[in-house]
Amino acid sequence: QVQLVESGGGLVQAGGSLRLSCAASGRTVSGYAMGWFRQAPGKEREFVAAISWISSVTVYADSVKGRFTISRDNAKNTMYLQMNSLKPEDTAVYLCTADPSWRKVQTTGGSWGQGTQVTVSS
């Protein structure tokens, strides 16, 4: 079982930046793909970005493309999400996920963290 812990959320003004982290512990995430989802109040959880094990492949939701960058440091078992040019509509709880399946980290997810709140004020 992989344990995931997100951090780095907070309150930021529109146009600002935040960097989220997702630290993995327990079972190694060697070979795992990882991803970020977000869930705003009253809305369904939505895919944000995913990254393959060796970071050679990344994919983004259209709503964040060009503003967010996903990366990972496998030596530290940690994934990151650099969020720039933040908008009020980016306000949500951001959750990370990890799974051996590339498809699952973009759709249903695998192991999940508890989430970190991101609030963007206008």
PDB file of N, CA and C in Angstrom:
ATOM      1  N   GLN A   1       0.842  -1.186   0.000  1.00  0.00           N
ATOM      2  CA  GLN A   1       0.000   0.000   0.000  1.00  0.00           C
ATOM      3  C   GLN A   1       0.885   1.247   0.000  1.00  0.00           C
ATOM      4  N   VAL A   2       0.578   2.155  -0.902  1.00  0.00           N
ATOM      5  CA  VAL A   2       1.316   3.408  -0.998  1.00  0.00           C
ATOM      6  C   VAL A   2       0.581   4.468  -0.187  1.00  0.00           C
ATOM      7  N   GLN A   3       1.313   5.165   0.671  1.00  0.00           N
ATOM      8  CA  GLN A   3       0.745   6.311   1.385  1.00  0.00           C
ATOM      9  C   GLN A   3       1.214   7.587   0.694  1.00  0.00           C
ATOM     10  N   LEU A   4       0.286   8.500   0.469  1.00  0.00           N
ATOM     11  CA  LEU A   4       0.578   9.752  -0.220  1.00  0.00           C
ATOM     12  C   LEU A   4       0.160  10.917   0.653  1.00  0.00           C
ATOM     13  N   VAL A   5       1.027  11.925   0.755  1.00  0.00           N
ATOM     14  CA  VAL A   5       0.731  13.117   1.555  1.00  0.00           C
ATOM     15  C   VAL A   5       1.013  14.348   0.723  1.00  0.00           C
ATOM     16  N   GLU A   6      -0.032  15.166   0.516  1.00  0.00           N
ATOM     17  CA  GLU A   6       0.107  16.402  -0.239  1.00  0.00           C
ATOM     18  C   GLU A   6       0.439  17.561   0.696  1.00  0.00           C
ATOM     19  N   SER A   7       1.122  18.558   0.151  1.00  0.00           N
ATOM     20  CA  SER A   7       1.407  19.784   0.885  1.00  0.00           C
ATOM     21  C   SER A   7       1.606  20.916  -0.108  1.00  0.00           C
ATOM     22  N   GLY A   8       1.621  22.145   0.426  1.00  0.00           N
ATOM     23  CA  GLY A   8       1.906  23.298  -0.419  1.00  0.00           C
ATOM     24  C   GLY A   8       0.708  24.142  -0.797  1.00  0.00           C
ATOM     25  N   GLY A   9      -0.481  23.702  -0.410  1.00  0.00           N
ATOM     26  CA  GLY A   9      -1.656  24.496  -0.724  1.00  0.00           C
ATOM     27  C   GLY A   9      -1.709  25.768   0.103  1.00  0.00           C
ATOM     28  N   GLY A  10      -2.668  26.627  -0.236  1.00  0.00           N
ATOM     29  CA  GLY A  10      -2.821  27.866   0.501  1.00  0.00           C
ATOM     30  C   GLY A  10      -3.706  28.840  -0.220  1.00  0.00           C
ATOM     31  N   LEU A  11      -3.679  30.084   0.257  1.00  0.00           N
ATOM     32  CA  LEU A  11      -4.460  31.169  -0.318  1.00  0.00           C
ATOM     33  C   LEU A  11      -3.536  32.055  -1.142  1.00  0.00           C
ATOM     34  N   VAL A  12      -3.924  32.330  -2.383  1.00  0.00           N
ATOM     35  CA  VAL A  12      -3.110  33.149  -3.269  1.00  0.00           C
ATOM     36  C   VAL A  12      -4.035  34.032  -4.111  1.00  0.00           C
ATOM     37  N   GLN A  13      -3.533  35.183  -4.505  1.00  0.00           N
ATOM     38  CA  GLN A  13      -4.313  36.060  -5.369  1.00  0.00           C
ATOM     39  C   GLN A  13      -4.260  35.584  -6.814  1.00  0.00           C
ATOM     40  N   ALA A  14      -5.263  35.936  -7.558  1.00  0.00           N
ATOM     41  CA  ALA A  14      -5.282  35.598  -8.980  1.00  0.00           C
ATOM     42  C   ALA A  14      -4.010  36.115  -9.642  1.00  0.00           C
ATOM     43  N   GLY A  15      -3.445  35.277 -10.500  1.00  0.00           N
ATOM     44  CA  GLY A  15      -2.192  35.609 -11.163  1.00  0.00           C
ATOM     45  C   GLY A  15      -0.967  35.113 -10.426  1.00  0.00           C
ATOM     46  N   GLY A  16      -1.161  34.655  -9.205  1.00  0.00           N
ATOM     47  CA  GLY A  16      -0.057  34.172  -8.394  1.00  0.00           C
ATOM     48  C   GLY A  16       0.319  32.735  -8.692  1.00  0.00           C
ATOM     49  N   SER A  17       1.251  32.209  -7.889  1.00  0.00           N
ATOM     50  CA  SER A  17       1.777  30.860  -8.094  1.00  0.00           C
ATOM     51  C   SER A  17       1.806  30.080  -6.782  1.00  0.00           C
ATOM     52  N   LEU A  18       1.717  28.778  -6.924  1.00  0.00           N
ATOM     53  CA  LEU A  18       1.893  27.847  -5.820  1.00  0.00           C
ATOM     54  C   LEU A  18       2.588  26.607  -6.338  1.00  0.00           C
ATOM     55  N   ARG A  19       3.301  25.929  -5.463  1.00  0.00           N
ATOM     56  CA  ARG A  19       3.914  24.658  -5.808  1.00  0.00           C
ATOM     57  C   ARG A  19       3.436  23.605  -4.825  1.00  0.00           C
ATOM     58  N   LEU A  20       2.736  22.612  -5.346  1.00  0.00           N
ATOM     59  CA  LEU A  20       2.261  21.506  -4.528  1.00  0.00           C
ATOM     60  C   LEU A  20       3.260  20.364  -4.566  1.00  0.00           C
ATOM     61  N   SER A  21       3.325  19.635  -3.457  1.00  0.00           N
ATOM     62  CA  SER A  21       4.161  18.448  -3.372  1.00  0.00           C
ATOM     63  C   SER A  21       3.314  17.252  -2.965  1.00  0.00           C
ATOM     64  N   CYS A  22       3.724  16.078  -3.399  1.00  0.00           N
ATOM     65  CA  CYS A  22       3.073  14.826  -3.018  1.00  0.00           C
ATOM     66  C   CYS A  22       4.186  13.838  -2.666  1.00  0.00           C
ATOM     67  N   ALA A  23       4.300  13.540  -1.382  1.00  0.00           N
ATOM     68  CA  ALA A  23       5.341  12.636  -0.909  1.00  0.00           C
ATOM     69  C   ALA A  23       4.768  11.243  -0.727  1.00  0.00           C
ATOM     70  N   ALA A  24       5.462  10.256  -1.272  1.00  0.00           N
ATOM     71  CA  ALA A  24       5.030   8.865  -1.175  1.00  0.00           C
ATOM     72  C   ALA A  24       5.851   8.123  -0.137  1.00  0.00           C
ATOM     73  N   SER A  25       5.195   7.257   0.608  1.00  0.00           N
ATOM     74  CA  SER A  25       5.888   6.423   1.586  1.00  0.00           C
ATOM     75  C   SER A  25       5.222   5.055   1.624  1.00  0.00           C
ATOM     76  N   GLY A  26       5.764   4.166   2.430  1.00  0.00           N
ATOM     77  CA  GLY A  26       5.238   2.806   2.472  1.00  0.00           C
ATOM     78  C   GLY A  26       5.837   2.022   1.319  1.00  0.00           C
ATOM     79  N   ARG A  27       4.999   1.423   0.564  1.00  0.00           N
ATOM     80  CA  ARG A  27       5.467   0.671  -0.605  1.00  0.00           C
ATOM     81  C   ARG A  27       6.138   1.634  -1.588  1.00  0.00           C
ATOM     82  N   THR A  28       7.202   1.206  -2.206  1.00  0.00           N
ATOM     83  CA  THR A  28       7.893   2.052  -3.176  1.00  0.00           C
ATOM     84  C   THR A  28       6.993   2.366  -4.370  1.00  0.00           C
ATOM     85  N   VAL A  29       7.152   3.556  -4.922  1.00  0.00           N
ATOM     86  CA  VAL A  29       6.411   3.929  -6.128  1.00  0.00           C
ATOM     87  C   VAL A  29       7.248   3.695  -7.370  1.00  0.00           C
ATOM     88  N   SER A  30       8.289   2.882  -7.217  1.00  0.00           N
ATOM     89  CA  SER A  30       9.101   2.529  -8.386  1.00  0.00           C
ATOM     90  C   SER A  30       8.216   1.895  -9.447  1.00  0.00           C
ATOM     91  N   GLY A  31       8.262   2.480 -10.632  1.00  0.00           N
ATOM     92  CA  GLY A  31       7.451   1.974 -11.721  1.00  0.00           C
ATOM     93  C   GLY A  31       6.042   2.514 -11.764  1.00  0.00           C
ATOM     94  N   TYR A  32       5.651   3.314 -10.791  1.00  0.00           N
ATOM     95  CA  TYR A  32       4.301   3.852 -10.727  1.00  0.00           C
ATOM     96  C   TYR A  32       4.194   5.141 -11.545  1.00  0.00           C
ATOM     97  N   ALA A  33       3.090   5.316 -12.220  1.00  0.00           N
ATOM     98  CA  ALA A  33       2.711   6.616 -12.741  1.00  0.00           C
ATOM     99  C   ALA A  33       2.040   7.392 -11.605  1.00  0.00           C
ATOM    100  N   MET A  34       2.089   8.717 -11.695  1.00  0.00           N
ATOM    101  CA  MET A  34       1.474   9.542 -10.656  1.00  0.00           C
ATOM    102  C   MET A  34       0.695  10.667 -11.301  1.00  0.00           C
ATOM    103  N   GLY A  35      -0.267  11.192 -10.564  1.00  0.00           N
ATOM    104  CA  GLY A  35      -1.094  12.241 -11.153  1.00  0.00           C
ATOM    105  C   GLY A  35      -1.726  13.133 -10.099  1.00  0.00           C
ATOM    106  N   TRP A  36      -2.305  14.232 -10.582  1.00  0.00           N
ATOM    107  CA  TRP A  36      -3.037  15.182  -9.748  1.00  0.00           C
ATOM    108  C   TRP A  36      -4.479  15.275 -10.248  1.00  0.00           C
ATOM    109  N   PHE A  37      -5.383  15.308  -9.306  1.00  0.00           N
ATOM    110  CA  PHE A  37      -6.783  15.610  -9.555  1.00  0.00           C
ATOM    111  C   PHE A  37      -7.162  16.792  -8.663  1.00  0.00           C
ATOM    112  N   ARG A  38      -8.331  17.366  -8.914  1.00  0.00           N
ATOM    113  CA  ARG A  38      -8.849  18.414  -8.040  1.00  0.00           C
ATOM    114  C   ARG A  38     -10.359  18.286  -7.933  1.00  0.00           C
ATOM    115  N   GLN A  39     -10.875  18.766  -6.805  1.00  0.00           N
ATOM    116  CA  GLN A  39     -12.306  18.725  -6.582  1.00  0.00           C
ATOM    117  C   GLN A  39     -12.757  20.010  -5.918  1.00  0.00           C
ATOM    118  N   ALA A  40     -13.597  20.737  -6.624  1.00  0.00           N
ATOM    119  CA  ALA A  40     -14.169  21.975  -6.102  1.00  0.00           C
ATOM    120  C   ALA A  40     -15.496  21.651  -5.418  1.00  0.00           C
ATOM    121  N   PRO A  41     -15.934  22.513  -4.492  1.00  0.00           N
ATOM    122  CA  PRO A  41     -17.199  22.264  -3.792  1.00  0.00           C
ATOM    123  C   PRO A  41     -18.365  22.088  -4.759  1.00  0.00           C
ATOM    124  N   GLY A  42     -19.111  21.019  -4.570  1.00  0.00           N
ATOM    125  CA  GLY A  42     -20.280  20.761  -5.402  1.00  0.00           C
ATOM    126  C   GLY A  42     -19.981  20.240  -6.790  1.00  0.00           C
ATOM    127  N   LYS A  43     -18.712  19.964  -7.067  1.00  0.00           N
ATOM    128  CA  LYS A  43     -18.332  19.469  -8.395  1.00  0.00           C
ATOM    129  C   LYS A  43     -17.661  18.108  -8.287  1.00  0.00           C
ATOM    130  N   GLU A  44     -17.633  17.419  -9.404  1.00  0.00           N
ATOM    131  CA  GLU A  44     -16.979  16.117  -9.440  1.00  0.00           C
ATOM    132  C   GLU A  44     -15.457  16.290  -9.467  1.00  0.00           C
ATOM    133  N   ARG A  45     -14.785  15.262  -9.010  1.00  0.00           N
ATOM    134  CA  ARG A  45     -13.334  15.255  -9.071  1.00  0.00           C
ATOM    135  C   ARG A  45     -12.905  15.269 -10.535  1.00  0.00           C
ATOM    136  N   GLU A  46     -11.923  16.099 -10.877  1.00  0.00           N
ATOM    137  CA  GLU A  46     -11.486  16.183 -12.266  1.00  0.00           C
ATOM    138  C   GLU A  46      -9.969  16.015 -12.371  1.00  0.00           C
ATOM    139  N   PHE A  47      -9.582  15.422 -13.467  1.00  0.00           N
ATOM    140  CA  PHE A  47      -8.172  15.190 -13.761  1.00  0.00           C
ATOM    141  C   PHE A  47      -7.469  16.504 -14.041  1.00  0.00           C
ATOM    142  N   VAL A  48      -6.235  16.637 -13.530  1.00  0.00           N
ATOM    143  CA  VAL A  48      -5.434  17.838 -13.772  1.00  0.00           C
ATOM    144  C   VAL A  48      -4.195  17.510 -14.613  1.00  0.00           C
ATOM    145  N   ALA A  49      -3.389  16.567 -14.151  1.00  0.00           N
ATOM    146  CA  ALA A  49      -2.141  16.247 -14.859  1.00  0.00           C
ATOM    147  C   ALA A  49      -1.630  14.885 -14.401  1.00  0.00           C
ATOM    148  N   ALA A  50      -0.802  14.263 -15.247  1.00  0.00           N
ATOM    149  CA  ALA A  50      -0.200  12.974 -14.904  1.00  0.00           C
ATOM    150  C   ALA A  50       1.208  12.913 -15.466  1.00  0.00           C
ATOM    151  N   ILE A  51       2.032  12.073 -14.840  1.00  0.00           N
ATOM    152  CA  ILE A  51       3.424  11.921 -15.257  1.00  0.00           C
ATOM    153  C   ILE A  51       3.810  10.458 -15.162  1.00  0.00           C
ATOM    154  N   SER A  52       4.544   9.996 -16.165  1.00  0.00           N
ATOM    155  CA  SER A  52       4.962   8.604 -16.174  1.00  0.00           C
ATOM    156  C   SER A  52       6.127   8.382 -15.220  1.00  0.00           C
ATOM    157  N   TRP A  53       6.500   7.118 -15.023  1.00  0.00           N
ATOM    158  CA  TRP A  53       7.538   6.772 -14.043  1.00  0.00           C
ATOM    159  C   TRP A  53       8.860   7.472 -14.344  1.00  0.00           C
ATOM    160  N   ILE A  54       9.309   7.483 -15.573  1.00  0.00           N
ATOM    161  CA  ILE A  54      10.614   8.082 -15.878  1.00  0.00           C
ATOM    162  C   ILE A  54      10.467   9.498 -16.404  1.00  0.00           C
ATOM    163  N   SER A  55       9.286  10.099 -16.184  1.00  0.00           N
ATOM    164  CA  SER A  55       9.031  11.503 -16.506  1.00  0.00           C
ATOM    165  C   SER A  55       9.120  11.832 -17.982  1.00  0.00           C
ATOM    166  N   SER A  56       9.142  10.825 -18.819  1.00  0.00           N
ATOM    167  CA  SER A  56       9.256  11.119 -20.234  1.00  0.00           C
ATOM    168  C   SER A  56       7.930  11.492 -20.857  1.00  0.00           C
ATOM    169  N   VAL A  57       6.848  11.174 -20.165  1.00  0.00           N
ATOM    170  CA  VAL A  57       5.524  11.469 -20.696  1.00  0.00           C
ATOM    171  C   VAL A  57       4.728  12.229 -19.645  1.00  0.00           C
ATOM    172  N   THR A  58       4.160  13.351 -20.056  1.00  0.00           N
ATOM    173  CA  THR A  58       3.264  14.116 -19.200  1.00  0.00           C
ATOM    174  C   THR A  58       2.004  14.440 -19.988  1.00  0.00           C
ATOM    175  N   VAL A  59       0.928  14.594 -19.281  1.00  0.00           N
ATOM    176  CA  VAL A  59      -0.341  14.949 -19.919  1.00  0.00           C
ATOM    177  C   VAL A  59      -1.086  15.904 -18.995  1.00  0.00           C
ATOM    178  N   TYR A  60      -1.803  16.854 -19.600  1.00  0.00           N
ATOM    179  CA  TYR A  60      -2.493  17.889 -18.837  1.00  0.00           C
ATOM    180  C   TYR A  60      -3.933  18.046 -19.316  1.00  0.00           C
ATOM    181  N   ALA A  61      -4.785  18.450 -18.393  1.00  0.00           N
ATOM    182  CA  ALA A  61      -6.125  18.875 -18.771  1.00  0.00           C
ATOM    183  C   ALA A  61      -6.011  20.180 -19.552  1.00  0.00           C
ATOM    184  N   ASP A  62      -6.909  20.385 -20.492  1.00  0.00           N
ATOM    185  CA  ASP A  62      -6.864  21.598 -21.308  1.00  0.00           C
ATOM    186  C   ASP A  62      -6.944  22.861 -20.443  1.00  0.00           C
ATOM    187  N   SER A  63      -7.666  22.777 -19.344  1.00  0.00           N
ATOM    188  CA  SER A  63      -7.886  23.955 -18.502  1.00  0.00           C
ATOM    189  C   SER A  63      -6.622  24.449 -17.806  1.00  0.00           C
ATOM    190  N   VAL A  64      -5.605  23.610 -17.709  1.00  0.00           N
ATOM    191  CA  VAL A  64      -4.380  24.009 -17.005  1.00  0.00           C
ATOM    192  C   VAL A  64      -3.157  24.009 -17.924  1.00  0.00           C
ATOM    193  N   LYS A  65      -3.315  23.569 -19.151  1.00  0.00           N
ATOM    194  CA  LYS A  65      -2.192  23.470 -20.081  1.00  0.00           C
ATOM    195  C   LYS A  65      -1.560  24.838 -20.285  1.00  0.00           C
ATOM    196  N   GLY A  66      -0.231  24.888 -20.177  1.00  0.00           N
ATOM    197  CA  GLY A  66       0.487  26.142 -20.345  1.00  0.00           C
ATOM    198  C   GLY A  66       0.649  26.926 -19.059  1.00  0.00           C
ATOM    199  N   ARG A  67      -0.084  26.561 -18.019  1.00  0.00           N
ATOM    200  CA  ARG A  67       0.008  27.252 -16.720  1.00  0.00           C
ATOM    201  C   ARG A  67       0.594  26.354 -15.636  1.00  0.00           C
ATOM    202  N   PHE A  68       0.276  25.068 -15.685  1.00  0.00           N
ATOM    203  CA  PHE A  68       0.734  24.117 -14.663  1.00  0.00           C
ATOM    204  C   PHE A  68       1.819  23.223 -15.256  1.00  0.00           C
ATOM    205  N   THR A  69       2.769  22.824 -14.391  1.00  0.00           N
ATOM    206  CA  THR A  69       3.822  21.895 -14.793  1.00  0.00           C
ATOM    207  C   THR A  69       3.959  20.793 -13.750  1.00  0.00           C
ATOM    208  N   ILE A  70       3.845  19.561 -14.208  1.00  0.00           N
ATOM    209  CA  ILE A  70       4.004  18.410 -13.316  1.00  0.00           C
ATOM    210  C   ILE A  70       5.423  17.866 -13.446  1.00  0.00           C
ATOM    211  N   SER A  71       5.986  17.439 -12.330  1.00  0.00           N
ATOM    212  CA  SER A  71       7.328  16.861 -12.342  1.00  0.00           C
ATOM    213  C   SER A  71       7.442  15.886 -11.173  1.00  0.00           C
ATOM    214  N   ARG A  72       8.529  15.132 -11.144  1.00  0.00           N
ATOM    215  CA  ARG A  72       8.740  14.192 -10.037  1.00  0.00           C
ATOM    216  C   ARG A  72      10.226  13.994  -9.812  1.00  0.00           C
ATOM    217  N   ASP A  73      10.563  13.672  -8.575  1.00  0.00           N
ATOM    218  CA  ASP A  73      11.930  13.331  -8.195  1.00  0.00           C
ATOM    219  C   ASP A  73      11.854  11.932  -7.608  1.00  0.00           C
ATOM    220  N   ASN A  74      12.205  10.942  -8.402  1.00  0.00           N
ATOM    221  CA  ASN A  74      12.050   9.555  -7.961  1.00  0.00           C
ATOM    222  C   ASN A  74      12.975   9.209  -6.795  1.00  0.00           C
ATOM    223  N   ALA A  75      14.105   9.873  -6.713  1.00  0.00           N
ATOM    224  CA  ALA A  75      15.020   9.619  -5.592  1.00  0.00           C
ATOM    225  C   ALA A  75      14.402  10.052  -4.270  1.00  0.00           C
ATOM    226  N   LYS A  76      13.509  11.031  -4.328  1.00  0.00           N
ATOM    227  CA  LYS A  76      12.848  11.531  -3.129  1.00  0.00           C
ATOM    228  C   LYS A  76      11.423  11.009  -2.996  1.00  0.00           C
ATOM    229  N   ASN A  77      11.002  10.171  -3.929  1.00  0.00           N
ATOM    230  CA  ASN A  77       9.623   9.651  -3.918  1.00  0.00           C
ATOM    231  C   ASN A  77       8.610  10.779  -3.826  1.00  0.00           C
ATOM    232  N   THR A  78       8.846  11.829  -4.563  1.00  0.00           N
ATOM    233  CA  THR A  78       7.996  13.012  -4.470  1.00  0.00           C
ATOM    234  C   THR A  78       7.620  13.518  -5.861  1.00  0.00           C
ATOM    235  N   MET A  79       6.365  13.933  -5.973  1.00  0.00           N
ATOM    236  CA  MET A  79       5.854  14.535  -7.208  1.00  0.00           C
ATOM    237  C   MET A  79       5.481  15.984  -6.903  1.00  0.00           C
ATOM    238  N   TYR A  80       5.555  16.828  -7.918  1.00  0.00           N
ATOM    239  CA  TYR A  80       5.278  18.247  -7.740  1.00  0.00           C
ATOM    240  C   TYR A  80       4.268  18.730  -8.780  1.00  0.00           C
ATOM    241  N   LEU A  81       3.599  19.821  -8.438  1.00  0.00           N
ATOM    242  CA  LEU A  81       2.757  20.519  -9.391  1.00  0.00           C
ATOM    243  C   LEU A  81       3.016  22.012  -9.239  1.00  0.00           C
ATOM    244  N   GLN A  82       3.722  22.590 -10.199  1.00  0.00           N
ATOM    245  CA  GLN A  82       3.958  24.027 -10.214  1.00  0.00           C
ATOM    246  C   GLN A  82       2.775  24.691 -10.897  1.00  0.00           C
ATOM    247  N   MET A  83       2.110  25.566 -10.177  1.00  0.00           N
ATOM    248  CA  MET A  83       0.916  26.222 -10.697  1.00  0.00           C
ATOM    249  C   MET A  83       1.177  27.711 -10.826  1.00  0.00           C
ATOM    250  N   ASN A  84       1.143  28.218 -12.041  1.00  0.00           N
ATOM    251  CA  ASN A  84       1.357  29.634 -12.321  1.00  0.00           C
ATOM    252  C   ASN A  84       0.087  30.245 -12.909  1.00  0.00           C
ATOM    253  N   SER A  85       0.041  31.563 -12.904  1.00  0.00           N
ATOM    254  CA  SER A  85      -1.103  32.295 -13.468  1.00  0.00           C
ATOM    255  C   SER A  85      -2.421  31.730 -12.943  1.00  0.00           C
ATOM    256  N   LEU A  86      -2.488  31.572 -11.647  1.00  0.00           N
ATOM    257  CA  LEU A  86      -3.667  30.958 -11.045  1.00  0.00           C
ATOM    258  C   LEU A  86      -4.909  31.822 -11.215  1.00  0.00           C
ATOM    259  N   LYS A  87      -6.043  31.141 -11.374  1.00  0.00           N
ATOM    260  CA  LYS A  87      -7.329  31.800 -11.575  1.00  0.00           C
ATOM    261  C   LYS A  87      -8.286  31.374 -10.452  1.00  0.00           C
ATOM    262  N   PRO A  88      -9.293  32.190 -10.172  1.00  0.00           N
ATOM    263  CA  PRO A  88     -10.268  31.796  -9.139  1.00  0.00           C
ATOM    264  C   PRO A  88     -10.892  30.428  -9.413  1.00  0.00           C
ATOM    265  N   GLU A  89     -11.067  30.068 -10.669  1.00  0.00           N
ATOM    266  CA  GLU A  89     -11.659  28.769 -11.004  1.00  0.00           C
ATOM    267  C   GLU A  89     -10.719  27.600 -10.736  1.00  0.00           C
ATOM    268  N   ASP A  90      -9.475  27.882 -10.359  1.00  0.00           N
ATOM    269  CA  ASP A  90      -8.558  26.813  -9.943  1.00  0.00           C
ATOM    270  C   ASP A  90      -8.765  26.439  -8.479  1.00  0.00           C
ATOM    271  N   THR A  91      -9.598  27.182  -7.762  1.00  0.00           N
ATOM    272  CA  THR A  91      -9.867  26.888  -6.361  1.00  0.00           C
ATOM    273  C   THR A  91     -10.472  25.504  -6.206  1.00  0.00           C
ATOM    274  N   ALA A  92      -9.830  24.674  -5.372  1.00  0.00           N
ATOM    275  CA  ALA A  92     -10.268  23.291  -5.180  1.00  0.00           C
ATOM    276  C   ALA A  92      -9.358  22.616  -4.168  1.00  0.00           C
ATOM    277  N   VAL A  93      -9.763  21.425  -3.753  1.00  0.00           N
ATOM    278  CA  VAL A  93      -8.858  20.530  -3.038  1.00  0.00           C
ATOM    279  C   VAL A  93      -8.096  19.732  -4.092  1.00  0.00           C
ATOM    280  N   TYR A  94      -6.783  19.749  -3.995  1.00  0.00           N
ATOM    281  CA  TYR A  94      -5.930  19.044  -4.955  1.00  0.00           C
ATOM    282  C   TYR A  94      -5.448  17.741  -4.313  1.00  0.00           C
ATOM    283  N   LEU A  95      -5.655  16.659  -5.045  1.00  0.00           N
ATOM    284  CA  LEU A  95      -5.305  15.330  -4.546  1.00  0.00           C
ATOM    285  C   LEU A  95      -4.317  14.662  -5.485  1.00  0.00           C
ATOM    286  N   CYS A  96      -3.379  13.940  -4.911  1.00  0.00           N
ATOM    287  CA  CYS A  96      -2.457  13.190  -5.760  1.00  0.00           C
ATOM    288  C   CYS A  96      -2.819  11.705  -5.733  1.00  0.00           C
ATOM    289  N   THR A  97      -2.427  11.042  -6.789  1.00  0.00           N
ATOM    290  CA  THR A  97      -2.709   9.629  -6.932  1.00  0.00           C
ATOM    291  C   THR A  97      -1.520   8.924  -7.550  1.00  0.00           C
ATOM    292  N   ALA A  98      -1.393   7.640  -7.270  1.00  0.00           N
ATOM    293  CA  ALA A  98      -0.303   6.841  -7.823  1.00  0.00           C
ATOM    294  C   ALA A  98      -0.818   5.447  -8.145  1.00  0.00           C
ATOM    295  N   ASP A  99      -0.355   4.901  -9.258  1.00  0.00           N
ATOM    296  CA  ASP A  99      -0.782   3.564  -9.665  1.00  0.00           C
ATOM    297  C   ASP A  99       0.177   3.044 -10.728  1.00  0.00           C
ATOM    298  N   PRO A 100       0.344   1.729 -10.806  1.00  0.00           N
ATOM    299  CA  PRO A 100       1.175   1.184 -11.890  1.00  0.00           C
ATOM    300  C   PRO A 100       0.572   1.448 -13.272  1.00  0.00           C
ATOM    301  N   SER A 101      -0.731   1.676 -13.329  1.00  0.00           N
ATOM    302  CA  SER A 101      -1.409   1.861 -14.607  1.00  0.00           C
ATOM    303  C   SER A 101      -1.406   3.322 -15.054  1.00  0.00           C
ATOM    304  N   TRP A 102      -0.857   3.585 -16.225  1.00  0.00           N
ATOM    305  CA  TRP A 102      -0.855   4.938 -16.788  1.00  0.00           C
ATOM    306  C   TRP A 102      -2.284   5.424 -17.018  1.00  0.00           C
ATOM    307  N   ARG A 103      -3.161   4.528 -17.428  1.00  0.00           N
ATOM    308  CA  ARG A 103      -4.544   4.906 -17.693  1.00  0.00           C
ATOM    309  C   ARG A 103      -5.271   5.265 -16.397  1.00  0.00           C
ATOM    310  N   LYS A 104      -5.008   4.506 -15.350  1.00  0.00           N
ATOM    311  CA  LYS A 104      -5.743   4.733 -14.104  1.00  0.00           C
ATOM    312  C   LYS A 104      -5.417   6.076 -13.482  1.00  0.00           C
ATOM    313  N   VAL A 105      -4.178   6.562 -13.577  1.00  0.00           N
ATOM    314  CA  VAL A 105      -3.839   7.845 -12.950  1.00  0.00           C
ATOM    315  C   VAL A 105      -4.447   9.014 -13.722  1.00  0.00           C
ATOM    316  N   GLN A 106      -5.039   8.734 -14.866  1.00  0.00           N
ATOM    317  CA  GLN A 106      -5.727   9.781 -15.619  1.00  0.00           C
ATOM    318  C   GLN A 106      -7.252   9.659 -15.521  1.00  0.00           C
ATOM    319  N   THR A 107      -7.717   8.547 -14.983  1.00  0.00           N
ATOM    320  CA  THR A 107      -9.172   8.308 -14.975  1.00  0.00           C
ATOM    321  C   THR A 107      -9.696   8.075 -13.572  1.00  0.00           C
ATOM    322  N   THR A 108      -9.582   6.851 -13.063  1.00  0.00           N
ATOM    323  CA  THR A 108     -10.154   6.526 -11.754  1.00  0.00           C
ATOM    324  C   THR A 108      -9.170   6.702 -10.610  1.00  0.00           C
ATOM    325  N   GLY A 109      -7.883   6.815 -10.901  1.00  0.00           N
ATOM    326  CA  GLY A 109      -6.877   6.933  -9.854  1.00  0.00           C
ATOM    327  C   GLY A 109      -6.581   5.591  -9.202  1.00  0.00           C
ATOM    328  N   GLY A 110      -5.548   5.600  -8.321  1.00  0.00           N
ATOM    329  CA  GLY A 110      -5.191   4.386  -7.602  1.00  0.00           C
ATOM    330  C   GLY A 110      -5.181   4.674  -6.117  1.00  0.00           C
ATOM    331  N   SER A 111      -3.989   4.700  -5.522  1.00  0.00           N
ATOM    332  CA  SER A 111      -3.856   5.152  -4.135  1.00  0.00           C
ATOM    333  C   SER A 111      -4.012   6.665  -4.121  1.00  0.00           C
ATOM    334  N   TRP A 112      -4.652   7.168  -3.042  1.00  0.00           N
ATOM    335  CA  TRP A 112      -4.930   8.607  -2.964  1.00  0.00           C
ATOM    336  C   TRP A 112      -4.363   9.218  -1.696  1.00  0.00           C
ATOM    337  N   GLY A 113      -3.998  10.496  -1.784  1.00  0.00           N
ATOM    338  CA  GLY A 113      -3.691  11.274  -0.609  1.00  0.00           C
ATOM    339  C   GLY A 113      -4.957  11.922  -0.068  1.00  0.00           C
ATOM    340  N   GLN A 114      -4.812  12.687   1.011  1.00  0.00           N
ATOM    341  CA  GLN A 114      -5.967  13.340   1.641  1.00  0.00           C
ATOM    342  C   GLN A 114      -6.309  14.669   0.982  1.00  0.00           C
ATOM    343  N   GLY A 115      -5.367  15.242   0.267  1.00  0.00           N
ATOM    344  CA  GLY A 115      -5.642  16.494  -0.432  1.00  0.00           C
ATOM    345  C   GLY A 115      -5.087  17.714   0.275  1.00  0.00           C
ATOM    346  N   THR A 116      -4.893  18.769  -0.490  1.00  0.00           N
ATOM    347  CA  THR A 116      -4.461  20.054   0.039  1.00  0.00           C
ATOM    348  C   THR A 116      -5.304  21.147  -0.616  1.00  0.00           C
ATOM    349  N   GLN A 117      -5.770  22.093   0.187  1.00  0.00           N
ATOM    350  CA  GLN A 117      -6.681  23.125  -0.302  1.00  0.00           C
ATOM    351  C   GLN A 117      -5.918  24.241  -1.003  1.00  0.00           C
ATOM    352  N   VAL A 118      -6.384  24.593  -2.180  1.00  0.00           N
ATOM    353  CA  VAL A 118      -5.870  25.744  -2.921  1.00  0.00           C
ATOM    354  C   VAL A 118      -7.031  26.725  -3.111  1.00  0.00           C
ATOM    355  N   THR A 119      -6.836  27.944  -2.669  1.00  0.00           N
ATOM    356  CA  THR A 119      -7.864  28.970  -2.801  1.00  0.00           C
ATOM    357  C   THR A 119      -7.263  30.166  -3.527  1.00  0.00           C
ATOM    358  N   VAL A 120      -7.878  30.560  -4.634  1.00  0.00           N
ATOM    359  CA  VAL A 120      -7.406  31.679  -5.435  1.00  0.00           C
ATOM    360  C   VAL A 120      -8.438  32.799  -5.349  1.00  0.00           C
ATOM    361  N   SER A 121      -8.022  33.925  -4.809  1.00  0.00           N
ATOM    362  CA  SER A 121      -8.933  35.056  -4.656  1.00  0.00           C
ATOM    363  C   SER A 121      -8.839  35.981  -5.862  1.00  0.00           C
ATOM    364  N   SER A 122      -9.970  36.616  -6.175  1.00  0.00           N
ATOM    365  CA  SER A 122      -9.995  37.502  -7.349  1.00  0.00           C
ATOM    366  C   SER A 122      -9.607  38.918  -6.974  1.00  0.00           C
TER     367      SER A 122
END
